[in-house]
């Protein structure tokens, strides 16, 4: 392990343990490689110890080398079927699914891609699957990464507050699901590729995991409900999701956030309450733009 770039074994090891945020794990060759090559963490008595700063540095290192998020994306070790077919008789050998390069996009009015305007609002739909590598330009000024698929089919039903009214002209991008046809890897890569030229926002569930997704997505702002709604929201059923997201709570505690966003985090933790995007749609909760960082 004398190379500086991550291989799949190393990537999977750190992805698994850094998601759990344990702070110390049994030392392996991957741990020794991380200490020797990148000077991150320390090994003592057979354990690899790492701080929150080490954790953030490793995630940043992966982002810089592989252009993916260690906590959410799979290691990109496969090629497309078309690329494989160039040199291999079996076009399916060690390949990604055909849908891997496709992302789901939608708009409230028209899609503006590659200098073209594409009507999508005439019928209710999830939007269009487009081949990400073939999108050379996005004429929308704002791109919104969406956590849940239900939102993509109900953009017209979102209640946008005054400071979010401009998002009627945004490109809405589905984050994807690691268990479905649309993987998160390509959506994140597509989203982040416009960080220097467009304003990136994230619209996720109002729960610890959703807030973590927003921070790690590379967005600078979020679309979310007002804090007062978290305090007063009341619906039948037992709240389980908050208690299943303690790792995300710990992740959020170590981040320097804007005062408004920090207040939202604190309110969710205080009331131990979550609001899903489906709740926002069903109850017609107004949503506004909030800065992520100071």
Foldseek 3Di string as FASTA:
>chain_A
DPDQDDDQVLLVVLLVVLLVVPQKDFDDPSLVCCCVRVVAFDDDPRMTGGDPVSSVVVQVVCCVPPVFGSNADHDPPAAALVVCVVPDPRSPPRHDDNLAQKWFKAALAWFQFPNDTHGDNPDQDLHDIDRLVPTPDGPQQEEEEEEDSVCSRPVVLAAADPQCVSRNRYMYTYCDDCPDSYGNGNSLSSQVVCLVRHQYEYEFWLALVRLLCRVRSSHFKYKFFALVCLVPDDDDDDQDVNVVCVSSLVVVVPDAWDPRVVSSSVSCVVVVDIGGVVNCSVVNGYIYMDGGHD
